[in-house]
Amino acid sequence: MELQDIRFAGQRLIEAYGDMGFRLSDGRLEGSILILPTGAVPFKAEQPEELSEDLFTAVFEPQFNIEILLLGTGLKQHFPSSELRKLFIERNIALEVMDTGAACRTYNVLVSEDRRVAAALIAI
């Protein structure tokens, strides 16, 4: 799906998603991705059932000072385990869980508001 083409200086936006990948303002990436302030990296989950603490280590790095993580869980919203949700609470990072399309759209809105946001997106 194509998203509206809007540019914000120095920030990566999600321009499109689908066909098992994402097009960001700096190129297309195949598979699931984790978007951090420094760029996008592969995210090692293809299904919501594969979500585990070790996948989010970079999000918890103090240098990023993330306030919100958008978790896109594929075609449908799928909440992670209570243990994983607790890790985000302990680190004072809001965990917002939604389907991947909604997470992509929400990410762009939050970036436009200059929020400290990251996104973990399972490819659809």
Protein backbone atom coordinates (compact mmCIF):
# COMPACT_ATOMS: atom_id res chain seq x y z
CA MET A 1 0.00 0.00 0.00
CA GLU A 2 1.28 3.46 -0.91
CA LEU A 3 1.25 6.16 1.73
CA GLN A 4 1.13 9.90 1.11
CA ASP A 5 4.52 11.33 0.12
CA ILE A 6 5.47 13.81 2.84
CA ARG A 7 9.07 14.66 3.80
CA PHE A 8 10.48 15.65 7.17
CA ALA A 9 14.11 16.74 7.33
CA GLY A 10 16.44 13.94 8.42
CA GLN A 11 13.71 11.49 9.43
CA ARG A 12 12.91 8.24 7.68
CA LEU A 13 9.27 7.82 6.75
CA ILE A 14 7.47 4.71 5.59
CA GLU A 15 6.40 5.38 2.02
CA ALA A 16 4.87 1.98 1.29
CA TYR A 17 4.44 -1.49 2.74
CA GLY A 18 3.38 -4.87 1.40
CA ASP A 19 4.83 -7.63 -0.78
CA MET A 20 6.76 -8.75 2.34
CA GLY A 21 8.74 -5.54 2.66
CA PHE A 22 8.77 -1.81 3.25
CA ARG A 23 9.82 1.24 1.25
CA LEU A 24 11.35 3.90 3.45
CA SER A 25 12.39 7.36 2.35
CA ASP A 26 15.92 5.98 1.87
CA GLY A 27 15.10 2.71 0.04
CA ARG A 28 13.25 -0.63 0.10
CA LEU A 29 13.88 -3.29 2.72
CA GLU A 30 12.68 -6.86 2.44
CA GLY A 31 11.18 -8.72 5.40
CA SER A 32 10.31 -7.52 8.88
CA ILE A 33 12.13 -4.41 10.11
CA LEU A 34 12.94 -2.44 13.23
CA ILE A 35 13.09 1.32 12.69
CA LEU A 36 15.25 3.22 15.17
CA PRO A 37 16.40 6.85 15.13
CA THR A 38 19.64 5.73 13.45
CA GLY A 39 17.94 3.74 10.69
CA ALA A 40 16.15 0.51 9.91
CA VAL A 41 17.53 -2.96 10.57
CA PRO A 42 16.14 -6.45 10.01
CA PHE A 43 13.67 -7.62 12.66
CA LYS A 44 13.94 -11.37 13.25
CA ALA A 45 10.22 -12.10 13.66
CA GLU A 46 7.99 -13.26 10.84
CA GLN A 47 5.04 -14.19 13.07
CA PRO A 48 3.75 -12.62 16.32
CA GLU A 49 4.45 -15.89 18.15
CA GLU A 50 8.18 -15.33 17.56
CA LEU A 51 8.32 -12.11 19.62
CA SER A 52 10.84 -12.29 22.47
CA GLU A 53 12.83 -9.95 24.69
CA ASP A 54 16.07 -10.34 22.72
CA LEU A 55 14.44 -8.83 19.61
CA PHE A 56 13.99 -5.52 21.40
CA THR A 57 17.47 -5.03 22.90
CA ALA A 58 18.22 -2.05 20.64
CA VAL A 59 14.94 -0.34 21.58
CA PHE A 60 16.00 -0.38 25.23
CA GLU A 61 19.35 1.35 24.54
CA PRO A 62 19.46 4.58 26.59
CA GLN A 63 21.07 6.49 23.71
CA PHE A 64 17.81 6.33 21.73
CA ASN A 65 15.58 7.54 24.57
CA ILE A 66 12.53 5.94 22.89
CA GLU A 67 9.18 6.97 24.37
CA ILE A 68 6.92 4.84 22.15
CA LEU A 69 7.43 1.56 20.31
CA LEU A 70 4.86 0.76 17.66
CA LEU A 71 4.59 -2.99 17.21
CA GLY A 72 3.03 -4.04 13.92
CA THR A 73 2.04 -7.69 14.24
CA GLY A 74 1.13 -8.52 10.65
CA LEU A 75 -2.34 -8.57 9.13
CA LYS A 76 -4.05 -8.66 12.53
CA GLN A 77 -3.39 -7.19 15.94
CA HIS A 78 -1.78 -9.79 18.21
CA PHE A 79 -0.71 -8.86 21.74
CA PRO A 80 2.68 -10.11 22.97
CA SER A 81 3.12 -12.00 26.23
CA SER A 82 2.55 -10.26 29.54
CA GLU A 83 6.25 -10.76 30.33
CA LEU A 84 7.25 -8.81 27.23
CA ARG A 85 4.73 -6.06 27.93
CA LYS A 86 6.11 -5.81 31.47
CA LEU A 87 9.62 -5.14 30.12
CA PHE A 88 8.35 -2.06 28.33
CA ILE A 89 6.52 -0.85 31.43
CA GLU A 90 9.68 -1.27 33.52
CA ARG A 91 11.64 0.82 31.01
CA ASN A 92 8.92 3.49 30.78
CA ILE A 93 8.42 2.92 27.05
CA ALA A 94 4.85 2.89 25.77
CA LEU A 95 4.18 -0.26 23.73
CA GLU A 96 1.43 0.28 21.17
CA VAL A 97 0.35 -2.92 19.43
CA MET A 98 -1.60 -2.87 16.17
CA ASP A 99 -1.67 -4.48 12.75
CA THR A 100 1.31 -3.59 10.57
CA GLY A 101 -0.59 -1.21 8.27
CA ALA A 102 -1.89 0.82 11.20
CA ALA A 103 1.58 0.85 12.76
CA CYS A 104 3.10 2.24 9.54
CA ARG A 105 0.55 5.04 9.33
CA THR A 106 0.85 5.86 13.03
CA TYR A 107 4.64 5.89 12.81
CA ASN A 108 4.56 8.57 10.10
CA VAL A 109 2.18 10.72 12.16
CA LEU A 110 4.37 10.45 15.26
CA VAL A 111 7.52 11.25 13.28
CA SER A 112 5.77 14.35 11.90
CA GLU A 113 5.09 15.37 15.52
CA ASP A 114 8.82 14.94 16.31
CA ARG A 115 8.14 12.16 18.84
CA ARG A 116 10.82 9.76 20.04
CA VAL A 117 9.32 6.73 18.31
CA ALA A 118 10.58 3.38 17.07
CA ALA A 119 8.68 0.74 15.11
CA ALA A 120 9.00 -3.06 15.01
CA LEU A 121 7.08 -4.18 11.94
CA ILE A 122 6.29 -7.73 10.86
CA ALA A 123 6.19 -7.77 7.06
CA ILE A 124 2.92 -8.42 5.25
